[in-house]
């Protein structure tokens, strides 16, 4: 039902300088696979086949990664090293990738809006690649697409965080429909300490309906002078319906050095160490 997934990958990755001075943060490897590839594989596991990337200057390595490398493949043809390319070859052969640029960093909402011409008027997934997720039942996006089939509205992934950490996230408040599902009634981006409406933090997985584009266009710059996706989603929740889903699985904040190291250790021990 949902075939397209949007990847906002235009950020500078300043927390990983100097490594990200000339390399996209989304191409940083977790063991031997770049972050963005994990995200694309999660989208494919949710039966999505069209990947739309919002890139910026210095991000060409992402497009190159999801393309054929004739020289490399010719060099290792017939050797045991061909096996290392099996997963990425599968993606190259079975996924359509499109790219456009976010010319100025104006927030996640603006980045999503830049993808309107690639997405069109249909529901779509959004993956923030530096939130690395490993979910049950095919992955986090796969869990969320099943919910979309039932509710036909925007779905956002949330997780419980310590109350004292909630100010670092977008935070929701909602009407509990069951233990893991909430109808959103309020949402705020990085609330002041002590003013968090809950400890349910938004993470980088979304299913969005296409009316979000017009809502973002009408959204004024918010926190840090950026156009916040959170603000547009709040309007959507007040005028219709947005569901928050407490997903089943693990999430690593690979936008931070600590989370990146945790994810690397987890993947080495659980995915590559067997």
Protein backbone atom coordinates (compact mmCIF):
# COMPACT_ATOMS: atom_id res chain seq x y z
CA UNK A 1 0.00 0.00 0.00
CA UNK A 2 2.83 2.43 0.87
CA UNK A 3 5.57 2.26 -1.73
CA UNK A 4 7.63 5.41 -1.13
CA UNK A 5 10.01 6.29 1.68
CA UNK A 6 11.64 9.67 2.24
CA UNK A 7 15.17 10.03 3.63
CA UNK A 8 16.15 13.54 4.80
CA UNK A 9 19.95 13.25 4.52
CA UNK A 10 21.06 16.85 3.99
CA UNK A 11 22.36 17.57 7.52
CA UNK A 12 25.97 18.42 8.26
CA UNK A 13 26.59 15.85 11.01
CA UNK A 14 28.58 18.32 13.07
CA UNK A 15 28.72 16.04 16.11
CA UNK A 16 31.02 13.75 14.12
CA UNK A 17 33.49 16.34 12.90
CA UNK A 18 36.11 16.06 11.53
CA UNK A 19 34.96 12.70 10.05
CA UNK A 20 31.92 14.34 8.44
CA UNK A 21 33.83 17.26 6.96
CA UNK A 22 33.92 15.47 3.60
CA UNK A 23 31.83 12.33 4.24
CA UNK A 24 28.06 12.27 4.81
CA UNK A 25 27.20 11.18 8.36
CA UNK A 26 24.67 8.77 6.83
CA UNK A 27 27.58 6.93 5.22
CA UNK A 28 29.34 6.29 8.53
CA UNK A 29 29.61 2.50 8.85
CA UNK A 30 28.07 0.42 11.59
CA UNK A 31 30.60 -2.42 11.34
CA UNK A 32 30.75 -2.75 7.53
CA UNK A 33 27.44 -1.22 6.39
CA UNK A 34 26.60 2.50 6.22
CA UNK A 35 23.77 3.85 8.36
CA UNK A 36 21.64 4.82 5.38
CA UNK A 37 21.70 1.27 4.01
CA UNK A 38 20.20 -0.06 7.24
CA UNK A 39 17.38 2.46 6.78
CA UNK A 40 16.73 1.47 3.17
CA UNK A 41 16.70 -2.20 4.11
CA UNK A 42 14.12 -1.45 6.80
CA UNK A 43 11.95 0.31 4.22
CA UNK A 44 12.28 -2.63 1.82
CA UNK A 45 11.25 -4.99 4.62
CA UNK A 46 8.06 -2.90 4.87
CA UNK A 47 7.41 -3.54 1.14
CA UNK A 48 8.52 -0.05 0.05
CA UNK A 49 10.37 0.13 -3.24
CA UNK A 50 10.82 3.85 -4.08
CA UNK A 51 13.40 5.70 -1.99
CA UNK A 52 13.44 9.50 -2.14
CA UNK A 53 16.52 11.24 -0.76
CA UNK A 54 16.69 14.88 0.31
CA UNK A 55 20.39 15.61 -0.01
CA UNK A 56 22.68 18.63 0.02
CA UNK A 57 26.15 19.70 -0.95
CA UNK A 58 28.79 17.05 -0.31
CA UNK A 59 26.32 14.16 -0.25
CA UNK A 60 27.09 12.50 -3.59
CA UNK A 61 28.50 9.42 -1.87
CA UNK A 62 24.94 8.41 -0.95
CA UNK A 63 23.83 8.33 -4.59
CA UNK A 64 27.02 6.50 -5.56
CA UNK A 65 26.40 3.87 -2.88
CA UNK A 66 23.03 2.95 -4.38
CA UNK A 67 24.47 2.62 -7.87
CA UNK A 68 26.62 0.11 -9.73
CA UNK A 69 30.40 0.44 -9.32
CA UNK A 70 31.66 -1.10 -12.55
CA UNK A 71 35.36 -0.77 -11.77
CA UNK A 72 35.06 -2.32 -8.30
CA UNK A 73 32.78 -5.12 -9.40
CA UNK A 74 35.02 -5.96 -12.33
CA UNK A 75 38.05 -6.02 -10.04
CA UNK A 76 36.56 -8.53 -7.58
CA UNK A 77 34.54 -10.59 -10.10
CA UNK A 78 35.04 -14.30 -9.56
CA UNK A 79 36.59 -13.89 -6.11
CA UNK A 80 35.23 -14.59 -2.65
CA UNK A 81 34.94 -10.81 -2.11
CA UNK A 82 31.89 -10.69 -4.38
CA UNK A 83 29.86 -11.93 -1.42
CA UNK A 84 30.45 -8.63 0.38
CA UNK A 85 28.34 -6.84 -2.24
CA UNK A 86 25.40 -9.25 -2.18
CA UNK A 87 23.13 -7.07 -0.01
CA UNK A 88 23.79 -3.77 -1.75
CA UNK A 89 23.48 -5.40 -5.19
CA UNK A 90 20.05 -6.65 -4.17
CA UNK A 91 19.02 -3.10 -3.27
CA UNK A 92 20.46 -1.61 -6.45
CA UNK A 93 18.54 -4.16 -8.53
CA UNK A 94 15.23 -3.89 -6.70
CA UNK A 95 14.90 -0.31 -5.42
CA UNK A 96 14.32 2.92 -7.34
CA UNK A 97 16.17 5.90 -5.88
CA UNK A 98 15.45 9.56 -6.60
CA UNK A 99 17.29 12.59 -5.27
CA UNK A 100 16.68 16.28 -4.76
CA UNK A 101 18.52 18.91 -2.74
CA UNK A 102 17.61 20.95 0.28
CA UNK A 103 19.45 24.13 -0.62
CA UNK A 104 19.29 25.63 2.87
CA UNK A 105 19.06 23.90 6.24
CA UNK A 106 15.67 25.07 7.56
CA UNK A 107 14.58 22.16 9.74
CA UNK A 108 13.09 18.70 9.33
CA UNK A 109 9.71 20.06 8.25
CA UNK A 110 11.33 21.96 5.41
CA UNK A 111 13.36 18.89 4.42
CA UNK A 112 10.17 16.81 4.19
CA UNK A 113 8.51 19.55 2.14
CA UNK A 114 11.43 19.43 -0.31
CA UNK A 115 10.38 15.85 -1.06
CA UNK A 116 6.89 16.74 -2.27
CA UNK A 117 7.78 16.51 -5.96
CA UNK A 118 9.35 13.07 -5.38
CA UNK A 119 6.49 11.72 -3.28
CA UNK A 120 3.37 13.18 -4.89
CA UNK A 121 -0.08 12.80 -3.39
CA UNK A 122 0.23 9.47 -1.64
CA UNK A 123 1.09 8.25 1.87
CA UNK A 124 4.79 7.69 2.49
CA UNK A 125 7.32 6.62 5.08
CA UNK A 126 10.06 8.78 6.53
CA UNK A 127 13.31 7.42 7.94
CA UNK A 128 15.90 9.48 9.79
CA UNK A 129 18.96 7.34 9.14
CA UNK A 130 20.84 8.31 12.28
CA UNK A 131 18.06 6.69 14.31
CA UNK A 132 19.10 3.07 13.79
CA UNK A 133 16.23 0.72 14.62
CA UNK A 134 15.94 -3.03 14.89
CA UNK A 135 12.31 -4.02 15.26
CA UNK A 136 10.29 -7.21 15.60
CA UNK A 137 7.86 -8.41 12.91
CA UNK A 138 9.96 -7.23 9.96
CA UNK A 139 11.09 -3.92 11.43
CA UNK A 140 9.67 -0.70 12.83
CA UNK A 141 8.34 0.61 9.50
CA UNK A 142 6.66 -2.72 8.81
CA UNK A 143 4.87 -2.49 12.17
CA UNK A 144 3.75 1.05 11.33
CA UNK A 145 2.47 0.24 7.84
CA UNK A 146 0.17 -2.39 9.37
CA UNK A 147 -1.24 0.32 11.64
CA UNK A 148 -1.71 2.63 8.67
CA UNK A 149 -3.79 -0.02 6.92
CA UNK A 150 -6.12 0.07 9.93
CA UNK A 151 -6.28 3.81 10.73
CA UNK A 152 -5.36 5.55 7.41
CA UNK A 153 -3.77 8.51 9.19
CA UNK A 154 -0.26 9.70 10.00
CA UNK A 155 1.63 7.42 12.38
CA UNK A 156 4.67 8.48 14.41
CA UNK A 157 7.00 6.17 16.31
CA UNK A 158 7.59 6.96 19.98
CA UNK A 159 9.54 5.45 22.84
CA UNK A 160 9.64 6.00 26.57
CA UNK A 161 12.68 7.94 27.77
CA UNK A 162 13.72 9.03 31.26
CA UNK A 163 11.75 12.14 32.18
CA UNK A 164 14.93 14.13 32.67
CA UNK A 165 15.95 13.33 29.07
CA UNK A 166 12.60 14.22 27.44
CA UNK A 167 13.62 17.84 26.74
CA UNK A 168 16.04 16.55 24.07
CA UNK A 169 13.22 15.18 21.90
CA UNK A 170 9.91 15.99 20.34
CA UNK A 171 7.42 14.82 22.97
CA UNK A 172 3.77 13.81 22.58
CA UNK A 173 0.75 13.66 24.83
CA UNK A 174 -2.17 11.51 23.83
CA UNK A 175 -5.25 9.46 24.56
CA UNK A 176 -4.24 5.85 25.14
CA UNK A 177 -6.12 3.44 22.87
CA UNK A 178 -4.06 0.51 24.11
CA UNK A 179 -0.71 0.05 25.87
CA UNK A 180 1.34 0.83 22.76
CA UNK A 181 -0.94 3.19 20.80
CA UNK A 182 -2.02 6.78 21.47
CA UNK A 183 -4.15 9.31 19.65
CA UNK A 184 -2.03 12.46 19.76
CA UNK A 185 -3.59 15.47 21.49
CA UNK A 186 -0.44 17.56 22.03
CA UNK A 187 3.10 17.60 20.71
CA UNK A 188 6.04 19.90 21.35
CA UNK A 189 9.57 20.00 19.96
CA UNK A 190 12.27 19.90 22.68
CA UNK A 191 10.19 21.33 25.52
CA UNK A 192 11.81 23.25 28.36
CA UNK A 193 12.93 21.15 31.28
CA UNK A 194 10.02 20.53 33.61
CA UNK A 195 7.43 21.32 30.94
CA UNK A 196 7.42 18.00 29.13
CA UNK A 197 3.84 16.77 28.53
CA UNK A 198 5.01 13.15 28.92
CA UNK A 199 8.07 10.96 28.57
CA UNK A 200 6.96 9.62 25.16
CA UNK A 201 9.64 10.84 22.75
CA UNK A 202 9.29 10.94 18.97
CA UNK A 203 11.99 9.01 17.08
CA UNK A 204 12.92 9.06 13.43
CA UNK A 205 10.21 6.86 11.91
CA UNK A 206 6.99 8.24 10.42
CA UNK A 207 4.15 7.27 8.12
CA UNK A 208 2.71 10.52 6.75
CA UNK A 209 -0.36 11.31 4.70
CA UNK A 210 0.19 13.71 1.77
CA UNK A 211 -1.79 16.59 3.29
CA UNK A 212 1.25 17.09 5.52
CA UNK A 213 2.87 19.05 2.68
CA UNK A 214 0.25 21.82 2.70
CA UNK A 215 0.37 21.90 6.49
CA UNK A 216 4.14 22.36 6.45
CA UNK A 217 3.79 25.18 3.93
CA UNK A 218 1.50 26.98 6.37
CA UNK A 219 3.78 26.32 9.36
CA UNK A 220 5.79 29.27 10.62
CA UNK A 221 9.37 28.81 11.83
CA UNK A 222 9.42 27.55 15.40
CA UNK A 223 12.19 26.43 17.73
CA UNK A 224 15.65 27.63 16.56
CA UNK A 225 13.98 29.46 13.68
CA UNK A 226 13.41 26.18 11.84
CA UNK A 227 10.26 24.79 10.24
CA UNK A 228 9.44 21.93 12.58
CA UNK A 229 7.69 18.80 11.36
CA UNK A 230 6.37 18.50 14.93
CA UNK A 231 4.38 21.73 14.54
CA UNK A 232 2.77 20.57 11.29
CA UNK A 233 1.92 17.21 12.84
CA UNK A 234 0.29 18.95 15.80
CA UNK A 235 -1.94 20.88 13.41
CA UNK A 236 -2.76 17.63 11.62
CA UNK A 237 -3.62 16.00 14.96
CA UNK A 238 -5.89 18.89 15.98
CA UNK A 239 -7.71 18.93 12.63
CA UNK A 240 -7.89 15.19 12.10
CA UNK A 241 -5.90 12.32 13.53
CA UNK A 242 -2.28 11.40 14.24
CA UNK A 243 -1.39 8.17 16.01
CA UNK A 244 1.71 7.63 18.15
CA UNK A 245 2.97 4.06 18.26
CA UNK A 246 5.32 2.66 20.89
CA UNK A 247 7.23 0.33 18.61
CA UNK A 248 8.58 -3.11 19.45
CA UNK A 249 12.34 -3.24 19.10
CA UNK A 250 15.57 -1.38 19.80
CA UNK A 251 16.68 2.09 18.76
CA UNK A 252 20.14 3.65 18.77
CA UNK A 253 20.83 7.38 18.48
CA UNK A 254 23.65 7.22 15.96
CA UNK A 255 23.64 11.00 15.71
CA UNK A 256 25.64 10.92 18.95
CA UNK A 257 29.06 9.34 19.40
CA UNK A 258 27.85 7.32 22.38
CA UNK A 259 24.86 5.91 20.50
CA UNK A 260 27.02 5.18 17.47
CA UNK A 261 29.43 3.12 19.57
CA UNK A 262 26.53 1.29 21.27
CA UNK A 263 25.04 0.45 17.87
CA UNK A 264 28.38 -0.78 16.54
CA UNK A 265 28.88 -3.06 19.54
CA UNK A 266 25.31 -4.37 19.29
CA UNK A 267 25.58 -5.13 15.57
CA UNK A 268 28.96 -6.79 15.91
CA UNK A 269 27.77 -9.00 18.74
CA UNK A 270 24.31 -9.84 17.40
CA UNK A 271 24.50 -9.60 13.61
CA UNK A 272 28.13 -10.21 12.63
CA UNK A 273 29.49 -12.21 15.52
CA UNK A 274 27.48 -15.32 14.74
